[in-house]
């Protein structure tokens, strides 16, 4: 368990300091857009 947390922390530090490649930015925008559309639909239905 501690080993997994160590790798998680190292990955967060590395990912925080390096730039995202263009394909990763596009994928992130798609995922965030999809999640936002779902949350907006649920808010409208209330």
Protein backbone atom coordinates (compact mmCIF):
# COMPACT_ATOMS: atom_id res chain seq x y z
CA UNK A 1 0.00 0.00 0.00
CA UNK A 2 2.77 2.41 0.91
CA UNK A 3 4.57 1.47 -2.31
CA UNK A 4 1.49 2.42 -4.37
CA UNK A 5 1.15 5.75 -2.56
CA UNK A 6 4.81 6.50 -3.24
CA UNK A 7 4.34 5.92 -6.96
CA UNK A 8 1.17 8.01 -6.92
CA UNK A 9 3.00 10.95 -5.33
CA UNK A 10 5.92 10.64 -7.75
CA UNK A 11 3.50 10.51 -10.69
CA UNK A 12 1.65 13.59 -9.50
CA UNK A 13 4.90 15.53 -9.14
CA UNK A 14 6.14 14.49 -12.58
CA UNK A 15 2.78 15.11 -14.23
CA UNK A 16 2.43 18.50 -12.57
CA UNK A 17 5.77 19.78 -13.88
CA UNK A 18 5.75 18.41 -17.44
CA UNK A 19 3.61 19.76 -20.22
CA UNK A 20 0.85 17.63 -21.64
CA UNK A 21 1.26 16.37 -25.20
CA UNK A 22 -1.40 17.67 -27.64
CA UNK A 23 -3.24 14.33 -27.79
CA UNK A 24 -3.55 14.27 -24.00
CA UNK A 25 -4.98 17.80 -23.95
CA UNK A 26 -7.55 16.88 -26.59
CA UNK A 27 -8.53 13.73 -24.68
CA UNK A 28 -8.84 15.70 -21.44
CA UNK A 29 -11.03 18.33 -23.12
CA UNK A 30 -13.30 15.61 -24.50
CA UNK A 31 -13.65 13.87 -21.14
CA UNK A 32 -14.24 17.13 -19.25
CA UNK A 33 -16.80 18.24 -21.85
CA UNK A 34 -18.65 14.94 -21.57
CA UNK A 35 -18.74 15.09 -17.78
CA UNK A 36 -19.91 18.71 -17.86
CA UNK A 37 -22.70 17.87 -20.28
CA UNK A 38 -23.90 15.08 -17.99
CA UNK A 39 -23.80 17.32 -14.93
CA UNK A 40 -25.65 20.10 -16.76
CA UNK A 41 -28.38 17.66 -17.81
CA UNK A 42 -28.86 16.46 -14.24
CA UNK A 43 -29.02 20.04 -12.94
CA UNK A 44 -31.66 20.95 -15.55
CA UNK A 45 -33.82 17.98 -14.59
CA UNK A 46 -34.15 19.11 -10.97
